[in-house]
Amino acid sequence: MSSRNFRETFLPLKYPDFGKLFLGQFISNIGSQFSYIALQFLIFDLTGEIAAMAVLAIAEVIPMVLIGPFAGVLIDRYDRKYIMAIANFSQAFIIFMIPATAIFSGVDRIIAIIILAFMNSTFNRFFFPSRGASIPKLIDDKDDLFGANSLSAGAYQTSALIGPMLAGFIIGIYGYDLPFIIDGLSFIISSICILSISKSLKPIRDSTKKQSPINDLVIGGRFIYNFQPIFYILLLFSFLMFAGGGALFLLIPFLELEFGLTQRGQRELIYGIMIAISAGVGMIFALFLSKKKRLARPITMMTYSLIMAGIIFIGFGLAPNIPILALAFVGFGTIEVVVGIPLQTIAQETVPDDLRGKVFSFINLAVSTSQIIGMGIVSILAYYLEIRGTFIFNGLIMVIFSFLGFYWIRKKSLEKLAQIKREEFHQASESDH
């Protein structure tokens, strides 16, 4: 990478407060990869049941359904800096508690772990919508907003490149406790970085309009429903998690039951390498996008990612060995980037500041509900179609849905509607400066 390209890639870091948020998140993302890998395999080792994996996954997404929308109301009322810091400190305490569940045995320990996973996910519901809603306040030149989101996505993919391989190595040597300790420490460091941000991240609200929390929720929901580009993106992302995210929890049992990876350390390392390869591709693509100011047709680009996801799942179902399975898995990093960056940027550019927290929370709500339903259906499908057949079936469904998406984009002129709002946002920011 030339020095000029390097400067263009990391240009958003010229804003000190964005750099603090970026650094904190990068560190905590690496730690979260450690605990994510450890938690998945710990539950599977303790139970040996696919159903337990599904229960863990459901426990982690239920807070998005129960708490997410109301979290969005608080996020749009108070300084988001303190909301993020409190959330991270709370997550550190919860993650530190997971190794302590060893004092229990059998079902009691499994229940304790699932409760802690639920609590960790609860505080996560406050963090990520706050972060997404805060980034525009940390970037003075709004033309750098897309680059900032791309750089953040690249940092996440980098953490996914580093974390899983290290986690697999550490689990194989030291067991499950150390990854949780590392993750807890990473949350504390992230909190300190966030508290050092000098700017106020309190949303801009009309003080003459006092709304009850319920009315705030209604206003956020009405905005999403009436603004078709955001409504379509919500449905697209929800379907991706319904068909794709709902099936991903089958991958760990797939490695053991289909490919005979039953030895601790070996399974985690193979799984970690697969995630790392995928993340490496995603990181390169995200850093490439970070040099761009805007995408011409972001909604169409997101819809193409659904086709790609469908092809990947079909590849899972047909993979004869682990190298082919890993090759199919490579595309997931790119899909996360292709969906995540445009979604984040369009929401930031088209949603008013005092609605962003609610809109991000509603998106999380729809996605989480879809994932819960998807996991339930996938568990049933896996019983009748087996894991391979379930992967192929879900892949075909995603490909079919994507063509319906292209029709909707053209019929409702979604790209044009989004572009109008995006131009208004950039013109308003220029007039402010």
Protein backbone atom coordinates (compact mmCIF):
# COMPACT_ATOMS: atom_id res chain seq x y z
CA MET A 1 0.00 0.00 0.00
CA SER A 2 1.50 3.38 -1.02
CA SER A 3 1.86 6.16 1.55
CA ARG A 4 -0.94 8.09 -0.16
CA ASN A 5 -3.30 5.11 -0.07
CA PHE A 6 -2.35 4.52 3.56
CA ARG A 7 -3.28 8.11 4.47
CA GLU A 8 -6.57 7.87 2.57
CA THR A 9 -7.47 4.60 4.28
CA PHE A 10 -6.91 5.95 7.80
CA LEU A 11 -8.06 9.52 7.09
CA PRO A 12 -10.99 9.42 9.58
CA LEU A 13 -8.46 8.93 12.41
CA LYS A 14 -7.51 12.60 12.00
CA TYR A 15 -10.49 13.24 14.29
CA PRO A 16 -9.09 12.56 17.81
CA ASP A 17 -12.41 11.65 19.43
CA PHE A 18 -13.27 9.20 16.68
CA GLY A 19 -9.80 7.71 17.14
CA LYS A 20 -10.51 7.11 20.84
CA LEU A 21 -13.78 5.32 20.06
CA PHE A 22 -12.07 3.36 17.28
CA LEU A 23 -9.19 2.24 19.54
CA GLY A 24 -11.49 1.18 22.38
CA GLN A 25 -13.71 -0.79 20.05
CA PHE A 26 -10.78 -2.46 18.31
CA ILE A 27 -9.41 -3.71 21.62
CA SER A 28 -12.79 -4.89 22.95
CA ASN A 29 -13.61 -6.57 19.62
CA ILE A 30 -10.48 -8.72 19.92
CA GLY A 31 -11.44 -9.66 23.48
CA SER A 32 -15.01 -10.46 22.42
CA GLN A 33 -13.70 -12.88 19.80
CA PHE A 34 -11.88 -14.75 22.58
CA SER A 35 -14.99 -15.15 24.73
CA TYR A 36 -17.26 -15.87 21.73
CA ILE A 37 -15.17 -18.87 20.68
CA ALA A 38 -14.71 -20.07 24.26
CA LEU A 39 -18.42 -19.79 25.09
CA GLN A 40 -19.57 -21.69 22.00
CA PHE A 41 -17.27 -24.64 22.60
CA LEU A 42 -17.70 -24.63 26.37
CA ILE A 43 -21.46 -25.07 26.05
CA PHE A 44 -21.06 -27.77 23.43
CA ASP A 45 -18.49 -29.60 25.58
CA LEU A 46 -20.73 -29.44 28.65
CA THR A 47 -23.83 -30.72 26.84
CA GLY A 48 -22.88 -32.29 23.49
CA GLU A 49 -26.27 -31.07 22.20
CA ILE A 50 -27.15 -28.85 19.24
CA ALA A 51 -30.23 -27.78 21.21
CA ALA A 52 -27.98 -26.26 23.92
CA MET A 53 -26.19 -24.22 21.26
CA ALA A 54 -29.55 -22.94 20.08
CA VAL A 55 -30.62 -22.04 23.65
CA LEU A 56 -27.37 -20.09 24.14
CA ALA A 57 -27.86 -18.24 20.86
CA ILE A 58 -31.48 -17.44 21.72
CA ALA A 59 -30.46 -16.18 25.19
CA GLU A 60 -28.04 -13.79 23.48
CA VAL A 61 -30.61 -12.37 21.07
CA ILE A 62 -33.67 -12.18 23.36
CA PRO A 63 -32.42 -8.91 24.96
CA MET A 64 -32.57 -7.30 21.53
CA VAL A 65 -36.28 -8.13 21.42
CA LEU A 66 -37.20 -7.30 25.02
CA ILE A 67 -34.86 -4.41 25.74
CA GLY A 68 -33.60 -3.10 22.39
CA PRO A 69 -36.43 -0.66 21.57
CA PHE A 70 -36.50 0.86 25.08
CA ALA A 71 -32.69 1.09 25.01
CA GLY A 72 -33.10 3.17 21.87
CA VAL A 73 -35.31 5.64 23.76
CA LEU A 74 -32.62 6.17 26.44
CA ILE A 75 -29.89 6.40 23.80
CA ASP A 76 -31.78 9.28 22.17
CA ARG A 77 -32.21 11.14 25.49
CA TYR A 78 -28.85 10.98 27.29
CA ASP A 79 -25.18 11.44 26.51
CA ARG A 80 -24.22 8.36 24.51
CA LYS A 81 -20.63 8.50 25.75
CA TYR A 82 -21.67 7.57 29.27
CA ILE A 83 -24.15 4.96 28.05
CA MET A 84 -21.36 3.20 26.12
CA ALA A 85 -18.90 3.40 29.04
CA ILE A 86 -21.39 2.03 31.58
CA ALA A 87 -22.35 -0.76 29.19
CA ASN A 88 -18.69 -1.79 28.72
CA PHE A 89 -17.90 -1.73 32.45
CA SER A 90 -20.97 -3.87 33.11
CA GLN A 91 -19.98 -6.34 30.40
CA ALA A 92 -16.49 -6.63 31.94
CA PHE A 93 -17.97 -7.65 35.30
CA ILE A 94 -20.31 -10.20 33.68
CA ILE A 95 -17.59 -11.79 31.53
CA PHE A 96 -15.30 -12.10 34.58
CA MET A 97 -18.09 -14.10 36.25
CA ILE A 98 -18.22 -16.87 33.62
CA PRO A 99 -15.12 -18.78 34.90
CA ALA A 100 -16.66 -18.61 38.39
CA THR A 101 -19.56 -20.79 37.20
CA ALA A 102 -17.19 -23.76 37.68
CA ILE A 103 -18.42 -23.84 41.31
CA PHE A 104 -21.63 -25.31 39.88
CA SER A 105 -21.97 -28.63 38.10
CA GLY A 106 -24.23 -30.19 35.50
CA VAL A 107 -27.39 -28.33 34.55
CA ASP A 108 -26.82 -25.64 37.19
CA ARG A 109 -23.59 -24.51 35.53
CA ILE A 110 -25.19 -24.44 32.08
CA ILE A 111 -28.08 -22.31 33.39
CA ALA A 112 -25.63 -19.92 35.10
CA ILE A 113 -23.63 -19.50 31.87
CA ILE A 114 -26.77 -18.85 29.82
CA ILE A 115 -27.98 -16.24 32.35
CA LEU A 116 -24.62 -14.44 32.16
CA ALA A 117 -24.70 -14.57 28.34
CA PHE A 118 -28.19 -13.03 28.50
CA MET A 119 -26.95 -10.23 30.79
CA ASN A 120 -23.92 -9.54 28.59
CA SER A 121 -26.13 -9.26 25.53
CA THR A 122 -28.47 -6.94 27.44
CA PHE A 123 -25.75 -4.33 27.97
CA ASN A 124 -24.61 -4.84 24.38
CA ARG A 125 -28.05 -3.57 23.31
CA PHE A 126 -27.14 -0.21 24.80
CA PHE A 127 -23.63 -0.08 23.37
CA PHE A 128 -23.90 -0.72 19.64
CA PRO A 129 -26.87 1.55 18.82
CA SER A 130 -25.13 4.28 20.86
CA ARG A 131 -21.95 3.78 18.90
CA GLY A 132 -23.69 3.86 15.52
CA ALA A 133 -25.63 6.99 16.46
CA SER A 134 -22.51 8.74 17.83
CA ILE A 135 -20.10 8.44 14.91
CA PRO A 136 -21.59 11.35 12.88
CA LYS A 137 -20.92 13.66 15.86
CA LEU A 138 -17.26 12.64 15.91
CA ILE A 139 -16.67 13.30 12.19
CA ASP A 140 -16.60 17.00 11.28
CA ASP A 141 -16.49 16.53 7.50
CA LYS A 142 -19.46 14.28 6.75
CA ASP A 143 -17.82 13.19 3.50
CA ASP A 144 -15.52 11.15 5.74
CA LEU A 145 -18.47 9.33 7.34
CA PHE A 146 -18.47 6.40 4.90
CA GLY A 147 -14.72 6.04 5.36
CA ALA A 148 -15.11 6.06 9.15
CA ASN A 149 -17.70 3.27 9.01
CA SER A 150 -15.52 1.32 6.59
CA LEU A 151 -12.51 1.71 8.85
CA SER A 152 -14.57 0.53 11.84
CA ALA A 153 -15.70 -2.51 9.85
CA GLY A 154 -12.09 -3.17 8.86
CA ALA A 155 -11.08 -3.04 12.52
CA TYR A 156 -13.80 -5.55 13.40
CA GLN A 157 -12.64 -7.89 10.63
CA THR A 158 -9.06 -7.50 11.85
CA SER A 159 -10.14 -8.51 15.35
CA ALA A 160 -11.92 -11.51 13.85
CA LEU A 161 -8.69 -12.34 12.00
CA ILE A 162 -6.57 -12.23 15.15
CA GLY A 163 -8.96 -13.28 17.92
CA PRO A 164 -10.29 -16.72 16.89
CA MET A 165 -6.90 -18.20 16.05
CA LEU A 166 -5.40 -16.97 19.31
CA ALA A 167 -8.48 -18.13 21.20
CA GLY A 168 -8.25 -21.62 19.69
CA PHE A 169 -4.56 -21.79 20.59
CA ILE A 170 -5.12 -20.53 24.17
CA ILE A 171 -8.10 -22.84 24.80
CA GLY A 172 -6.11 -25.83 23.61
CA ILE A 173 -3.29 -25.07 26.09
CA TYR A 174 -4.87 -23.24 29.04
CA GLY A 175 -8.55 -24.19 28.86
CA TYR A 176 -11.60 -21.93 28.79
CA ASP A 177 -11.01 -19.46 31.66
CA LEU A 178 -8.22 -17.28 30.24
CA PRO A 179 -10.19 -16.10 27.13
CA PHE A 180 -12.94 -14.74 29.40
CA ILE A 181 -10.41 -12.88 31.57
CA ILE A 182 -8.84 -11.32 28.45
CA ASP A 183 -12.27 -10.21 27.21
CA GLY A 184 -13.19 -8.64 30.56
CA LEU A 185 -9.97 -6.61 30.58
CA SER A 186 -10.61 -5.48 26.99
CA PHE A 187 -14.00 -4.05 28.00
CA ILE A 188 -12.38 -2.04 30.81
CA ILE A 189 -9.82 -0.58 28.39
CA SER A 190 -12.62 0.28 25.93
CA SER A 191 -14.54 2.10 28.68
CA ILE A 192 -11.52 4.22 29.55
CA CYS A 193 -11.00 5.17 25.89
CA ILE A 194 -14.66 6.18 25.54
CA LEU A 195 -14.65 8.28 28.72
CA SER A 196 -11.66 10.20 27.33
CA ILE A 197 -13.77 11.52 24.40
CA SER A 198 -13.98 15.30 24.81
CA LYS A 199 -17.12 15.97 22.76
CA SER A 200 -20.62 15.68 24.17
CA LEU A 201 -22.51 12.85 22.51
CA LYS A 202 -25.87 13.94 23.82
CA PRO A 203 -28.42 13.87 20.97
CA ILE A 204 -29.94 17.06 19.60
CA ARG A 205 -33.56 17.21 20.77
CA ASP A 206 -36.30 19.80 20.50
CA SER A 207 -36.72 20.78 24.16
CA THR A 208 -40.24 22.06 23.47
CA LYS A 209 -41.42 18.57 22.55
CA LYS A 210 -41.70 16.34 25.59
CA GLN A 211 -42.53 12.79 24.58
CA SER A 212 -43.27 9.78 26.73
CA PRO A 213 -41.06 6.69 26.13
CA ILE A 214 -43.96 4.96 24.37
CA ASN A 215 -44.53 7.94 22.08
CA ASP A 216 -40.80 8.02 21.35
CA LEU A 217 -40.99 4.38 20.29
CA VAL A 218 -43.99 5.05 18.06
CA ILE A 219 -42.23 7.97 16.38
CA GLY A 220 -39.14 5.85 15.66
CA GLY A 221 -41.22 2.98 14.29
CA ARG A 222 -43.30 5.32 12.15
CA PHE A 223 -40.17 6.86 10.63
CA ILE A 224 -38.86 3.43 9.59
CA TYR A 225 -42.19 2.37 8.09
CA ASN A 226 -42.68 5.62 6.15
CA PHE A 227 -39.12 5.86 4.80
CA GLN A 228 -39.02 2.96 2.37
CA PRO A 229 -35.20 2.66 1.92
CA ILE A 230 -34.68 2.07 5.67
CA PHE A 231 -37.73 -0.22 5.81
CA TYR A 232 -36.36 -2.32 2.94
CA ILE A 233 -32.88 -2.50 4.49
CA LEU A 234 -34.45 -3.64 7.77
CA LEU A 235 -36.33 -6.43 5.98
CA LEU A 236 -33.27 -7.43 3.94
CA PHE A 237 -31.02 -7.65 6.98
CA SER A 238 -33.74 -9.47 8.94
CA PHE A 239 -34.14 -12.09 6.23
CA LEU A 240 -30.37 -12.52 6.02
CA MET A 241 -30.32 -13.30 9.75
CA PHE A 242 -33.46 -15.46 9.53
CA ALA A 243 -32.06 -17.77 6.87
CA GLY A 244 -28.32 -17.29 7.44
CA GLY A 245 -27.76 -16.36 11.07
CA GLY A 246 -30.32 -18.92 12.13
CA ALA A 247 -28.26 -21.67 10.50
CA LEU A 248 -24.75 -20.61 11.46
CA PHE A 249 -24.98 -22.16 14.93
CA LEU A 250 -25.03 -25.55 13.12
CA LEU A 251 -21.43 -25.06 11.99
CA ILE A 252 -19.75 -26.23 15.20
CA PRO A 253 -21.74 -29.48 15.45
CA PHE A 254 -21.24 -29.86 11.69
CA LEU A 255 -17.45 -29.94 12.21
CA GLU A 256 -17.78 -32.64 14.85
CA LEU A 257 -20.58 -34.80 13.46
CA GLU A 258 -19.73 -34.62 9.75
CA PHE A 259 -15.94 -34.25 9.77
CA GLY A 260 -15.05 -36.04 13.01
CA LEU A 261 -13.39 -33.11 14.82
CA THR A 262 -14.01 -34.21 18.40
CA GLN A 263 -10.70 -33.37 20.10
CA ARG A 264 -10.61 -30.14 22.14
CA GLY A 265 -8.11 -27.70 20.73
CA GLN A 266 -8.27 -29.22 17.25
CA ARG A 267 -11.90 -28.18 16.73
CA GLU A 268 -11.40 -24.70 18.11
CA LEU A 269 -8.26 -24.14 16.05
CA ILE A 270 -9.89 -25.26 12.78
CA TYR A 271 -12.97 -23.13 13.49
CA GLY A 272 -10.77 -20.18 14.45
CA ILE A 273 -8.72 -20.49 11.26
CA MET A 274 -11.90 -20.53 9.16
CA ILE A 275 -13.16 -17.36 10.82
CA ALA A 276 -9.72 -15.77 10.49
CA ILE A 277 -9.48 -16.45 6.75
CA SER A 278 -12.96 -15.01 6.23
CA ALA A 279 -12.12 -11.98 8.36
CA GLY A 280 -8.89 -11.39 6.46
CA VAL A 281 -10.79 -11.11 3.18
CA GLY A 282 -13.39 -8.88 4.83
CA MET A 283 -10.67 -6.67 6.33
CA ILE A 284 -9.01 -6.10 2.96
CA PHE A 285 -12.33 -5.22 1.35
CA ALA A 286 -13.32 -2.88 4.20
CA LEU A 287 -9.99 -1.03 4.02
CA PHE A 288 -10.42 -0.72 0.26
CA LEU A 289 -13.87 0.83 0.78
CA SER A 290 -12.56 3.20 3.46
CA LYS A 291 -10.87 5.28 0.73
CA LYS A 292 -14.21 5.97 -0.92
CA LYS A 293 -16.46 8.89 -0.01
CA ARG A 294 -19.75 7.27 -1.00
CA LEU A 295 -21.21 4.28 -2.88
CA ALA A 296 -23.34 4.91 -5.94
CA ARG A 297 -25.94 2.17 -5.33
CA PRO A 298 -25.52 0.91 -1.76
CA ILE A 299 -28.96 -0.74 -1.42
CA THR A 300 -28.41 -2.77 -4.58
CA MET A 301 -24.96 -3.73 -3.33
CA MET A 302 -26.47 -5.02 -0.08
CA THR A 303 -28.99 -7.11 -2.00
CA TYR A 304 -26.24 -8.74 -4.05
CA SER A 305 -24.73 -9.86 -0.75
CA LEU A 306 -27.83 -11.98 -0.12
CA ILE A 307 -27.12 -13.94 -3.31
CA MET A 308 -23.55 -14.42 -2.15
CA ALA A 309 -24.73 -15.67 1.25
CA GLY A 310 -27.04 -18.16 -0.43
CA ILE A 311 -24.22 -19.52 -2.57
CA ILE A 312 -22.01 -19.88 0.53
CA PHE A 313 -24.64 -21.92 2.39
CA ILE A 314 -25.16 -24.16 -0.61
CA GLY A 315 -21.36 -24.60 -0.60
CA PHE A 316 -21.53 -25.65 3.07
CA GLY A 317 -24.06 -28.32 2.24
CA LEU A 318 -22.00 -29.71 -0.65
CA ALA A 319 -18.51 -29.41 0.91
CA PRO A 320 -16.78 -32.84 0.85
CA ASN A 321 -13.96 -31.86 3.22
CA ILE A 322 -12.74 -29.13 5.56
CA PRO A 323 -10.61 -27.19 3.00
CA ILE A 324 -13.65 -26.82 0.70
CA LEU A 325 -15.82 -25.86 3.70
CA ALA A 326 -13.24 -23.21 4.69
CA LEU A 327 -13.16 -21.93 1.10
CA ALA A 328 -16.93 -21.47 1.18
CA PHE A 329 -16.69 -19.73 4.56
CA VAL A 330 -14.28 -17.10 3.18
CA GLY A 331 -17.11 -15.01 1.73
CA PHE A 332 -18.75 -14.28 5.09
CA GLY A 333 -16.27 -11.53 5.94
CA THR A 334 -17.08 -9.75 2.70
CA ILE A 335 -20.83 -10.11 3.30
CA GLU A 336 -20.55 -8.49 6.72
CA VAL A 337 -18.72 -5.57 5.14
CA VAL A 338 -21.05 -5.22 2.13
CA VAL A 339 -24.13 -5.20 4.36
CA GLY A 340 -22.83 -3.50 7.49
CA ILE A 341 -21.09 -0.42 6.08
CA PRO A 342 -23.90 0.78 3.76
CA LEU A 343 -26.53 0.02 6.43
CA GLN A 344 -24.67 2.03 9.06
CA THR A 345 -23.91 4.94 6.74
CA ILE A 346 -27.38 5.23 5.18
CA ALA A 347 -29.00 5.21 8.63
CA GLN A 348 -26.60 7.91 9.85
CA GLU A 349 -27.18 10.06 6.75
CA THR A 350 -30.96 9.75 6.48
CA VAL A 351 -32.18 9.50 10.11
CA PRO A 352 -32.41 12.63 12.35
CA ASP A 353 -30.00 12.63 15.30
CA ASP A 354 -32.74 12.29 17.93
CA LEU A 355 -34.13 9.19 16.17
CA ARG A 356 -30.91 7.33 15.38
CA GLY A 357 -30.76 5.34 18.60
CA LYS A 358 -34.34 4.14 18.16
CA VAL A 359 -33.85 3.31 14.50
CA PHE A 360 -30.67 1.30 15.18
CA SER A 361 -32.46 -0.43 18.06
CA PHE A 362 -35.48 -1.26 15.88
CA ILE A 363 -33.16 -2.73 13.27
CA ASN A 364 -31.56 -4.87 16.01
CA LEU A 365 -35.04 -5.86 17.18
CA ALA A 366 -36.14 -7.02 13.72
CA VAL A 367 -32.88 -8.83 13.11
CA SER A 368 -32.94 -10.56 16.52
CA THR A 369 -36.56 -11.67 16.19
CA SER A 370 -35.79 -13.05 12.75
CA GLN A 371 -32.75 -14.91 14.08
CA ILE A 372 -34.70 -16.48 16.94
CA ILE A 373 -37.44 -17.66 14.58
CA GLY A 374 -34.79 -18.81 12.12
CA MET A 375 -32.97 -20.89 14.73
CA GLY A 376 -36.21 -22.59 15.74
CA ILE A 377 -37.06 -23.45 12.14
CA VAL A 378 -33.48 -24.52 11.38
CA SER A 379 -33.49 -26.90 14.37
CA ILE A 380 -36.58 -28.57 12.95
CA LEU A 381 -35.15 -28.65 9.42
CA ALA A 382 -31.89 -30.17 10.69
CA TYR A 383 -33.92 -33.01 12.23
CA TYR A 384 -35.60 -33.87 8.92
CA LEU A 385 -33.07 -32.71 6.31
CA GLU A 386 -29.90 -33.19 8.40
CA ILE A 387 -27.34 -30.40 8.59
CA ARG A 388 -26.18 -30.60 4.97
CA GLY A 389 -29.72 -30.49 3.62
CA THR A 390 -30.57 -27.54 5.89
CA PHE A 391 -27.63 -25.52 4.59
CA ILE A 392 -28.65 -26.15 0.96
CA PHE A 393 -32.32 -25.35 1.60
CA ASN A 394 -31.53 -22.06 3.37
CA GLY A 395 -29.09 -21.08 0.63
CA LEU A 396 -31.71 -21.56 -2.08
CA ILE A 397 -34.24 -19.49 -0.11
CA MET A 398 -31.77 -16.59 0.17
CA VAL A 399 -31.05 -16.60 -3.56
CA ILE A 400 -34.78 -16.54 -4.39
CA PHE A 401 -35.50 -13.71 -1.93
CA SER A 402 -32.70 -11.56 -3.38
CA PHE A 403 -34.39 -11.45 -6.80
CA LEU A 404 -37.58 -10.23 -5.13
CA GLY A 405 -35.41 -7.55 -3.50
CA PHE A 406 -34.11 -6.29 -6.85
CA TYR A 407 -37.71 -5.95 -8.05
CA TRP A 408 -38.65 -3.95 -4.94
CA ILE A 409 -35.66 -1.59 -5.33
CA ARG A 410 -36.64 -0.79 -8.91
CA LYS A 411 -40.41 -0.61 -8.27
CA LYS A 412 -40.14 1.81 -5.32
CA SER A 413 -37.09 3.78 -6.58
CA LEU A 414 -35.34 3.12 -3.28
CA GLU A 415 -31.89 4.23 -4.42
CA LYS A 416 -33.26 7.60 -5.56
CA LEU A 417 -35.21 8.19 -2.33
CA ALA A 418 -32.15 7.41 -0.23
CA GLN A 419 -29.91 9.61 -2.37
CA ILE A 420 -32.19 12.64 -1.88
CA LYS A 421 -32.01 12.31 1.93
CA ARG A 422 -28.27 11.71 1.84
CA GLU A 423 -27.70 14.87 -0.22
CA GLU A 424 -29.81 16.90 2.23
CA PHE A 425 -27.70 15.59 5.12
CA HIS A 426 -24.41 16.55 3.47
CA GLN A 427 -25.68 19.98 2.41
CA ALA A 428 -26.87 20.69 5.96
CA SER A 429 -23.50 19.69 7.41
CA GLU A 430 -21.68 21.94 4.93
CA SER A 431 -23.86 24.92 5.86
CA ASP A 432 -23.11 24.29 9.56
CA HIS A 433 -19.41 24.66 8.84
